[in-house]
Every structure is written in structure tokens, then in C-alpha cells.
Amino acid sequence: MTAQAPDKDAIHHAVTSTYGAVARTRGITEKATGCCGAELKSLSDYTPEELASIPRGAYLGEGSGVPVRYADLKPGETVVDLGAGAGMDTFLAANRVGPAGRVHGFDLTPDMLERARKNALEGNYRNVTFERADIEHLPLPDATADASVVEGAEPQLLLALRTILATIWPECRTRLFSRLGRSAI
């Protein structure tokens, strides 16, 4: 018996429903301490310095690693963040590449993008953009980025990896993070 592939629309609906609820509620009602609620800060993989360097509300406690820390980003580079969420890694990357660099954050969830854009305005990030896109169909020309960061569940990582190699390869450095750990490509 052959296993049937999951329905892409069903997966997208589940992702946008689940993470939409997170974007609308997480970090909004908790008592603020730094960038986010004390509960979120204590569970973070991010350092207190990393959390303090980004807009309040960008960290939602949903990440599975810290890809920017290992991406070896340099001032002036262009970075792609796949599964950008509320912008946590996008803003960390923007801090590393500086005003001469650029960071493109992509996410599937409209509520996350709304929150990320609000965070970018509040943090005065002029070198970031947030767009809605399937990670397997990015609206970027070839050879756009110097580096990319990806965080997510295993099925997403496989699709993201294929997209990265097809649209940004061969010059792009990639850091993948999943619940299983980090890898460099």
C-alpha cells in the first residue's frame, strides 16, 4: 500500500490557523519584561542580549533554534528568512547586516505578517521586508541572497531546502534549524 502525500491546502490551512492564533494572542497579555513575557523569556533559546535587541512582540516562543547566530552574516549582505513569523530572526539578521544590508522575511500566515510589519515599524527597521509566500514559491529572482535562515518542522524544511537551492544557489549560505537540531548547507 502506498502512502498518500498530505494535502498541501490542508497543511497550509492548519499552519495559518495555528500560527494565526499565536500571532493574535501570544505576548500580548503577558506582563512585559524586556521584549516579551517573563514566561517566554525563561524558555528561550535566545540570549537576553538577542531578545533585548529586537522589537517587543517579535519573539513568540515558537522557534526551534537560533539560526542567525550560526549564519556568519556580514554587513551589507542580503538574507532570506523562510518562516519569518513575527520577525525574530529577521530582525536579528537585520542587526547583523546593518543598514547597507537587506533581509526578506517570508511567511504563510497573514496574522504573523501583520505583526512582523508592525514590529518593523516600531523598531524602525528600514532594511527588512515581509511578504506572504509559500516557501516552495518565493517571489525572488535567482542569486538574490548571500545567506538564508530556515526554522521549522521537518516537512517544511525539505521543501524550503529545495526552494533555497533552486532560487538562491549556488552562492547562498544556508542554516537550517528544526526540532532535531541545526545543520549547515
C-alpha atoms as a PDB file:
ATOM      1  CA  MET A   1       0.000   0.000   0.000  1.00  0.00           C
ATOM      2  CA  THR A   2       1.371   3.415  -0.993  1.00  0.00           C
ATOM      3  CA  ALA A   3       1.279   6.265   1.495  1.00  0.00           C
ATOM      4  CA  GLN A   4      -0.610   9.279   0.216  1.00  0.00           C
ATOM      5  CA  ALA A   5       1.086  12.656   0.402  1.00  0.00           C
ATOM      6  CA  PRO A   6      -0.597  15.170   2.707  1.00  0.00           C
ATOM      7  CA  ASP A   7      -2.908  17.656   1.014  1.00  0.00           C
ATOM      8  CA  LYS A   8      -0.979  20.933   0.607  1.00  0.00           C
ATOM      9  CA  ASP A   9      -4.102  23.060   1.127  1.00  0.00           C
ATOM     10  CA  ALA A  10      -4.923  21.202   4.338  1.00  0.00           C
ATOM     11  CA  ILE A  11      -1.380  21.740   5.604  1.00  0.00           C
ATOM     12  CA  HIS A  12      -1.497  25.446   4.736  1.00  0.00           C
ATOM     13  CA  HIS A  13      -4.862  25.809   6.483  1.00  0.00           C
ATOM     14  CA  ALA A  14      -3.542  24.092   9.607  1.00  0.00           C
ATOM     15  CA  VAL A  15      -0.420  26.266   9.621  1.00  0.00           C
ATOM     16  CA  THR A  16      -2.254  29.552   9.096  1.00  0.00           C
ATOM     17  CA  SER A  17      -4.937  28.675  11.673  1.00  0.00           C
ATOM     18  CA  THR A  18      -2.484  27.588  14.356  1.00  0.00           C
ATOM     19  CA  TYR A  19       0.125  30.295  13.876  1.00  0.00           C
ATOM     20  CA  GLY A  20      -2.523  32.936  13.219  1.00  0.00           C
ATOM     21  CA  ALA A  21      -3.872  32.324  16.709  1.00  0.00           C
ATOM     22  CA  VAL A  22      -0.338  32.551  18.111  1.00  0.00           C
ATOM     23  CA  ALA A  23       0.257  35.865  16.316  1.00  0.00           C
ATOM     24  CA  ARG A  24      -3.005  37.328  17.617  1.00  0.00           C
ATOM     25  CA  THR A  25      -2.545  36.320  21.232  1.00  0.00           C
ATOM     26  CA  ARG A  26       0.987  35.336  22.293  1.00  0.00           C
ATOM     27  CA  GLY A  27       2.977  38.045  24.040  1.00  0.00           C
ATOM     28  CA  ILE A  28       0.022  40.441  24.083  1.00  0.00           C
ATOM     29  CA  THR A  29      -1.439  39.783  27.524  1.00  0.00           C
ATOM     30  CA  GLU A  30       1.668  38.705  29.444  1.00  0.00           C
ATOM     31  CA  LYS A  31       3.305  41.199  31.745  1.00  0.00           C
ATOM     32  CA  ALA A  32       6.204  42.638  29.758  1.00  0.00           C
ATOM     33  CA  THR A  33       9.806  42.127  30.854  1.00  0.00           C
ATOM     34  CA  GLY A  34      12.164  43.158  28.089  1.00  0.00           C
ATOM     35  CA  CYS A  35      10.848  42.044  24.726  1.00  0.00           C
ATOM     36  CA  CYS A  36       8.213  39.656  25.906  1.00  0.00           C
ATOM     37  CA  GLY A  37       6.548  37.991  28.846  1.00  0.00           C
ATOM     38  CA  ALA A  38       8.755  36.614  31.605  1.00  0.00           C
ATOM     39  CA  GLU A  39       7.422  33.123  30.863  1.00  0.00           C
ATOM     40  CA  LEU A  40       8.575  33.308  27.221  1.00  0.00           C
ATOM     41  CA  LYS A  41      11.959  34.726  28.121  1.00  0.00           C
ATOM     42  CA  SER A  42      12.753  31.909  30.524  1.00  0.00           C
ATOM     43  CA  LEU A  43      12.075  29.241  27.879  1.00  0.00           C
ATOM     44  CA  SER A  44      14.036  30.924  25.104  1.00  0.00           C
ATOM     45  CA  ASP A  45      16.955  29.535  23.104  1.00  0.00           C
ATOM     46  CA  TYR A  46      17.917  33.175  22.544  1.00  0.00           C
ATOM     47  CA  THR A  47      20.247  35.107  24.826  1.00  0.00           C
ATOM     48  CA  PRO A  48      18.966  38.057  26.869  1.00  0.00           C
ATOM     49  CA  GLU A  49      21.073  40.311  24.612  1.00  0.00           C
ATOM     50  CA  GLU A  50      19.450  38.920  21.461  1.00  0.00           C
ATOM     51  CA  LEU A  51      15.975  39.349  22.952  1.00  0.00           C
ATOM     52  CA  ALA A  52      16.749  42.927  24.026  1.00  0.00           C
ATOM     53  CA  SER A  53      17.979  43.857  20.533  1.00  0.00           C
ATOM     54  CA  ILE A  54      14.684  43.219  18.712  1.00  0.00           C
ATOM     55  CA  PRO A  55      11.229  44.828  18.879  1.00  0.00           C
ATOM     56  CA  ARG A  56       8.923  43.804  21.691  1.00  0.00           C
ATOM     57  CA  GLY A  57       6.495  41.257  20.322  1.00  0.00           C
ATOM     58  CA  ALA A  58       8.820  39.732  17.736  1.00  0.00           C
ATOM     59  CA  TYR A  59       9.671  36.726  19.898  1.00  0.00           C
ATOM     60  CA  LEU A  60       6.699  34.414  20.391  1.00  0.00           C
ATOM     61  CA  GLY A  61       8.413  31.328  21.781  1.00  0.00           C
ATOM     62  CA  GLU A  62       7.750  29.275  18.642  1.00  0.00           C
ATOM     63  CA  GLY A  63      11.298  28.913  17.331  1.00  0.00           C
ATOM     64  CA  SER A  64      13.339  25.758  17.372  1.00  0.00           C
ATOM     65  CA  GLY A  65      16.828  27.199  17.317  1.00  0.00           C
ATOM     66  CA  VAL A  66      18.841  30.304  16.689  1.00  0.00           C
ATOM     67  CA  PRO A  67      19.851  30.170  13.011  1.00  0.00           C
ATOM     68  CA  VAL A  68      21.161  33.730  12.783  1.00  0.00           C
ATOM     69  CA  ARG A  69      23.770  33.047  15.444  1.00  0.00           C
ATOM     70  CA  TYR A  70      25.379  30.431  13.183  1.00  0.00           C
ATOM     71  CA  ALA A  71      24.804  32.046   9.786  1.00  0.00           C
ATOM     72  CA  ASP A  72      28.058  34.063   9.684  1.00  0.00           C
ATOM     73  CA  LEU A  73      26.242  37.152   8.387  1.00  0.00           C
ATOM     74  CA  LYS A  74      28.295  40.151   7.330  1.00  0.00           C
ATOM     75  CA  PRO A  75      27.436  43.855   6.948  1.00  0.00           C
ATOM     76  CA  GLY A  76      25.875  44.643   3.581  1.00  0.00           C
ATOM     77  CA  GLU A  77      24.639  41.110   2.848  1.00  0.00           C
ATOM     78  CA  THR A  78      21.159  40.136   1.683  1.00  0.00           C
ATOM     79  CA  VAL A  79      19.412  37.461   3.762  1.00  0.00           C
ATOM     80  CA  VAL A  80      16.237  35.433   3.234  1.00  0.00           C
ATOM     81  CA  ASP A  81      14.311  34.279   6.325  1.00  0.00           C
ATOM     82  CA  LEU A  82      11.861  31.480   5.499  1.00  0.00           C
ATOM     83  CA  GLY A  83       9.072  31.076   8.029  1.00  0.00           C
ATOM     84  CA  ALA A  84       9.748  34.560   9.419  1.00  0.00           C
ATOM     85  CA  GLY A  85       6.796  34.587  11.801  1.00  0.00           C
ATOM     86  CA  ALA A  86       6.646  37.806  13.826  1.00  0.00           C
ATOM     87  CA  GLY A  87      10.202  38.658  12.724  1.00  0.00           C
ATOM     88  CA  MET A  88      12.504  37.378  15.474  1.00  0.00           C
ATOM     89  CA  ASP A  89      15.254  36.011  13.214  1.00  0.00           C
ATOM     90  CA  THR A  90      14.586  38.623  10.534  1.00  0.00           C
ATOM     91  CA  PHE A  91      15.393  41.418  12.987  1.00  0.00           C
ATOM     92  CA  LEU A  92      18.432  39.616  14.380  1.00  0.00           C
ATOM     93  CA  ALA A  93      19.694  39.197  10.797  1.00  0.00           C
ATOM     94  CA  ALA A  94      18.967  42.865  10.046  1.00  0.00           C
ATOM     95  CA  ASN A  95      21.031  43.863  13.074  1.00  0.00           C
ATOM     96  CA  ARG A  96      23.950  41.804  11.730  1.00  0.00           C
ATOM     97  CA  VAL A  97      23.839  43.012   8.106  1.00  0.00           C
ATOM     98  CA  GLY A  98      23.278  46.635   9.142  1.00  0.00           C
ATOM     99  CA  PRO A  99      21.670  49.447   7.157  1.00  0.00           C
ATOM    100  CA  ALA A 100      23.605  48.555   3.992  1.00  0.00           C
ATOM    101  CA  GLY A 101      22.174  45.025   4.074  1.00  0.00           C
ATOM    102  CA  ARG A 102      18.692  43.713   3.368  1.00  0.00           C
ATOM    103  CA  VAL A 103      16.539  40.974   4.902  1.00  0.00           C
ATOM    104  CA  HIS A 104      13.491  39.446   3.185  1.00  0.00           C
ATOM    105  CA  GLY A 105      11.146  37.679   5.600  1.00  0.00           C
ATOM    106  CA  PHE A 106       8.592  35.241   4.171  1.00  0.00           C
ATOM    107  CA  ASP A 107       5.713  33.595   5.972  1.00  0.00           C
ATOM    108  CA  LEU A 108       2.471  31.857   5.054  1.00  0.00           C
ATOM    109  CA  THR A 109       0.355  33.328   7.864  1.00  0.00           C
ATOM    110  CA  PRO A 110      -1.272  36.750   7.287  1.00  0.00           C
ATOM    111  CA  ASP A 111      -1.574  37.445  11.038  1.00  0.00           C
ATOM    112  CA  MET A 112       2.141  36.793  11.521  1.00  0.00           C
ATOM    113  CA  LEU A 113       2.996  39.124   8.648  1.00  0.00           C
ATOM    114  CA  GLU A 114       0.785  41.853  10.093  1.00  0.00           C
ATOM    115  CA  ARG A 115       2.549  41.516  13.440  1.00  0.00           C
ATOM    116  CA  ALA A 116       6.007  41.407  11.812  1.00  0.00           C
ATOM    117  CA  ARG A 117       5.311  44.556   9.797  1.00  0.00           C
ATOM    118  CA  LYS A 118       4.078  46.336  12.929  1.00  0.00           C
ATOM    119  CA  ASN A 119       7.237  45.233  14.752  1.00  0.00           C
ATOM    120  CA  ALA A 120       9.391  46.528  11.878  1.00  0.00           C
ATOM    121  CA  LEU A 121       7.725  49.943  12.071  1.00  0.00           C
ATOM    122  CA  GLU A 122       8.034  50.094  15.854  1.00  0.00           C
ATOM    123  CA  GLY A 123      11.695  49.056  15.675  1.00  0.00           C
ATOM    124  CA  ASN A 124      12.428  51.438  12.780  1.00  0.00           C
ATOM    125  CA  TYR A 125      13.778  48.617  10.594  1.00  0.00           C
ATOM    126  CA  ARG A 126      14.105  50.082   7.106  1.00  0.00           C
ATOM    127  CA  ASN A 127      16.200  47.211   5.744  1.00  0.00           C
ATOM    128  CA  VAL A 128      13.548  44.473   6.122  1.00  0.00           C
ATOM    129  CA  THR A 129      10.508  43.404   4.132  1.00  0.00           C
ATOM    130  CA  PHE A 130       7.840  40.864   4.970  1.00  0.00           C
ATOM    131  CA  GLU A 131       5.841  39.061   2.290  1.00  0.00           C
ATOM    132  CA  ARG A 132       3.363  36.225   2.159  1.00  0.00           C
ATOM    133  CA  ALA A 133       4.687  33.305   0.155  1.00  0.00           C
ATOM    134  CA  ASP A 134       4.778  29.539   0.069  1.00  0.00           C
ATOM    135  CA  ILE A 135       8.347  28.597   0.824  1.00  0.00           C
ATOM    136  CA  GLU A 136       8.374  26.496  -2.319  1.00  0.00           C
ATOM    137  CA  HIS A 137       7.442  29.529  -4.488  1.00  0.00           C
ATOM    138  CA  LEU A 138       9.403  32.579  -3.390  1.00  0.00           C
ATOM    139  CA  PRO A 139       8.925  35.844  -5.288  1.00  0.00           C
ATOM    140  CA  LEU A 140      12.672  36.387  -5.678  1.00  0.00           C
ATOM    141  CA  PRO A 141      14.938  36.269  -8.700  1.00  0.00           C
ATOM    142  CA  ASP A 142      17.862  33.855  -8.811  1.00  0.00           C
ATOM    143  CA  ALA A 143      21.064  34.804  -6.987  1.00  0.00           C
ATOM    144  CA  THR A 144      19.187  37.210  -4.686  1.00  0.00           C
ATOM    145  CA  ALA A 145      20.693  36.337  -1.320  1.00  0.00           C
ATOM    146  CA  ASP A 146      24.042  35.815   0.308  1.00  0.00           C
ATOM    147  CA  ALA A 147      22.516  33.755   3.118  1.00  0.00           C
ATOM    148  CA  SER A 148      19.260  32.240   4.268  1.00  0.00           C
ATOM    149  CA  VAL A 149      17.899  31.031   7.571  1.00  0.00           C
ATOM    150  CA  VAL A 150      15.154  28.447   7.964  1.00  0.00           C
ATOM    151  CA  GLU A 151      13.390  27.274  11.083  1.00  0.00           C
ATOM    152  CA  GLY A 152      10.518  24.852  11.130  1.00  0.00           C
ATOM    153  CA  ALA A 153       9.074  21.381  11.145  1.00  0.00           C
ATOM    154  CA  GLU A 154      10.690  18.644   9.081  1.00  0.00           C
ATOM    155  CA  PRO A 155       8.307  18.647   6.057  1.00  0.00           C
ATOM    156  CA  GLN A 156       8.730  22.398   5.723  1.00  0.00           C
ATOM    157  CA  LEU A 157      12.495  22.112   5.879  1.00  0.00           C
ATOM    158  CA  LEU A 158      12.625  19.702   2.977  1.00  0.00           C
ATOM    159  CA  LEU A 159      10.507  21.993   0.798  1.00  0.00           C
ATOM    160  CA  ALA A 160      12.465  25.031   1.954  1.00  0.00           C
ATOM    161  CA  LEU A 161      15.769  23.385   1.168  1.00  0.00           C
ATOM    162  CA  ARG A 162      14.622  22.578  -2.363  1.00  0.00           C
ATOM    163  CA  THR A 163      13.474  26.191  -2.815  1.00  0.00           C
ATOM    164  CA  ILE A 164      16.701  27.647  -1.490  1.00  0.00           C
ATOM    165  CA  LEU A 165      18.852  25.523  -3.747  1.00  0.00           C
ATOM    166  CA  ALA A 166      16.710  26.300  -6.792  1.00  0.00           C
ATOM    167  CA  THR A 167      16.316  30.058  -6.313  1.00  0.00           C
ATOM    168  CA  ILE A 168      19.397  31.236  -4.465  1.00  0.00           C
ATOM    169  CA  TRP A 169      22.033  28.617  -5.208  1.00  0.00           C
ATOM    170  CA  PRO A 170      24.994  28.389  -5.760  1.00  0.00           C
ATOM    171  CA  GLU A 171      26.384  31.271  -3.719  1.00  0.00           C
ATOM    172  CA  CYS A 172      24.000  31.245  -0.758  1.00  0.00           C
ATOM    173  CA  ARG A 173      24.966  30.030   2.732  1.00  0.00           C
ATOM    174  CA  THR A 174      22.044  28.292   4.463  1.00  0.00           C
ATOM    175  CA  ARG A 175      21.394  27.453   8.103  1.00  0.00           C
ATOM    176  CA  LEU A 176      18.540  25.044   8.799  1.00  0.00           C
ATOM    177  CA  PHE A 177      17.026  24.582  12.240  1.00  0.00           C
ATOM    178  CA  SER A 178      14.447  22.031  13.232  1.00  0.00           C
ATOM    179  CA  ARG A 179      13.338  20.389  16.427  1.00  0.00           C
ATOM    180  CA  LEU A 180      16.096  17.851  15.646  1.00  0.00           C
ATOM    181  CA  GLY A 181      18.928  20.393  15.664  1.00  0.00           C
ATOM    182  CA  ARG A 182      20.895  22.587  13.300  1.00  0.00           C
ATOM    183  CA  SER A 183      22.652  21.923  10.052  1.00  0.00           C
ATOM    184  CA  ALA A 184      24.664  23.949   7.573  1.00  0.00           C
ATOM    185  CA  ILE A 185      24.388  23.667   3.846  1.00  0.00           C
END
